[in-house]
Amino acid sequence: MMDICMVGTILASCVLMKLFVDWCESQVDPKEKQ
């Protein structure tokens, strides 16, 4: 059960980091994302 929780936490962290990086890029250069 702990393995599933750990994998889920790692996946969630990766997804959140990807979304955060994409958002930061859109904030830095909004013209390119449009």
N, C-alpha and C. Protein backbone atom coordinates (compact mmCIF):
# COMPACT_ATOMS: atom_id res chain seq x y z
N MET A 1 0.84 -1.20 0.00
CA MET A 1 0.00 0.00 0.00
C MET A 1 0.88 1.25 0.00
N MET A 2 1.96 1.22 0.76
CA MET A 2 2.86 2.39 0.81
C MET A 2 3.48 2.64 -0.56
N ASP A 3 3.79 1.56 -1.30
CA ASP A 3 4.39 1.74 -2.63
C ASP A 3 3.44 2.52 -3.53
N ILE A 4 2.15 2.16 -3.50
CA ILE A 4 1.16 2.85 -4.34
C ILE A 4 1.10 4.32 -3.95
N CYS A 5 1.10 4.59 -2.65
CA CYS A 5 1.05 5.98 -2.18
C CYS A 5 2.29 6.75 -2.63
N MET A 6 3.45 6.12 -2.53
CA MET A 6 4.69 6.79 -2.93
C MET A 6 4.69 7.07 -4.43
N VAL A 7 4.29 6.08 -5.24
CA VAL A 7 4.25 6.27 -6.69
C VAL A 7 3.27 7.38 -7.03
N GLY A 8 2.11 7.37 -6.40
CA GLY A 8 1.10 8.40 -6.66
C GLY A 8 1.62 9.78 -6.30
N THR A 9 2.31 9.88 -5.17
CA THR A 9 2.87 11.17 -4.75
C THR A 9 3.92 11.66 -5.74
N ILE A 10 4.78 10.75 -6.19
CA ILE A 10 5.83 11.13 -7.15
C ILE A 10 5.20 11.58 -8.46
N LEU A 11 4.21 10.83 -8.95
CA LEU A 11 3.55 11.21 -10.20
C LEU A 11 2.88 12.57 -10.06
N ALA A 12 2.19 12.78 -8.94
CA ALA A 12 1.51 14.06 -8.71
C ALA A 12 2.53 15.19 -8.68
N SER A 13 3.67 14.97 -8.05
CA SER A 13 4.70 16.00 -7.98
C SER A 13 5.23 16.33 -9.37
N CYS A 14 5.47 15.29 -10.18
CA CYS A 14 5.97 15.52 -11.55
C CYS A 14 4.96 16.31 -12.36
N VAL A 15 3.68 15.96 -12.26
CA VAL A 15 2.64 16.66 -13.02
C VAL A 15 2.56 18.12 -12.57
N LEU A 16 2.57 18.34 -11.26
CA LEU A 16 2.50 19.71 -10.74
C LEU A 16 3.71 20.52 -11.19
N MET A 17 4.89 19.93 -11.15
CA MET A 17 6.09 20.64 -11.58
C MET A 17 6.00 21.01 -13.06
N LYS A 18 5.50 20.07 -13.90
CA LYS A 18 5.37 20.34 -15.33
C LYS A 18 4.39 21.49 -15.55
N LEU A 19 3.24 21.46 -14.87
CA LEU A 19 2.27 22.54 -15.01
C LEU A 19 2.87 23.86 -14.54
N PHE A 20 3.61 23.84 -13.44
CA PHE A 20 4.23 25.05 -12.90
C PHE A 20 5.24 25.63 -13.89
N VAL A 21 6.07 24.76 -14.48
CA VAL A 21 7.07 25.22 -15.45
C VAL A 21 6.38 25.81 -16.67
N ASP A 22 5.35 25.13 -17.18
CA ASP A 22 4.62 25.65 -18.34
C ASP A 22 4.01 27.00 -18.02
N TRP A 23 3.45 27.16 -16.82
CA TRP A 23 2.84 28.43 -16.43
C TRP A 23 3.90 29.52 -16.33
N CYS A 24 5.05 29.19 -15.75
CA CYS A 24 6.13 30.17 -15.65
C CYS A 24 6.58 30.62 -17.03
N GLU A 25 6.72 29.68 -17.96
CA GLU A 25 7.13 30.03 -19.32
C GLU A 25 6.10 30.94 -19.97
N SER A 26 4.82 30.66 -19.75
CA SER A 26 3.77 31.50 -20.35
C SER A 26 3.79 32.89 -19.73
N GLN A 27 4.17 32.98 -18.44
CA GLN A 27 4.24 34.29 -17.79
C GLN A 27 5.45 35.09 -18.31
N VAL A 28 6.55 34.39 -18.55
CA VAL A 28 7.77 35.07 -19.00
C VAL A 28 7.61 35.55 -20.44
N ASP A 29 7.03 34.70 -21.30
CA ASP A 29 6.89 35.05 -22.72
C ASP A 29 5.48 34.72 -23.19
N PRO A 30 4.50 35.55 -22.85
CA PRO A 30 3.10 35.23 -23.18
C PRO A 30 2.83 35.21 -24.68
N LYS A 31 3.58 35.95 -25.46
CA LYS A 31 3.32 36.01 -26.90
C LYS A 31 3.53 34.66 -27.56
N GLU A 32 4.56 33.93 -27.11
CA GLU A 32 4.91 32.67 -27.75
C GLU A 32 3.86 31.59 -27.51
N LYS A 33 3.24 31.60 -26.33
CA LYS A 33 2.25 30.57 -25.99
C LYS A 33 0.94 30.78 -26.76
N GLN A 34 0.63 32.01 -27.13
CA GLN A 34 -0.63 32.26 -27.84
C GLN A 34 -0.54 31.61 -29.19
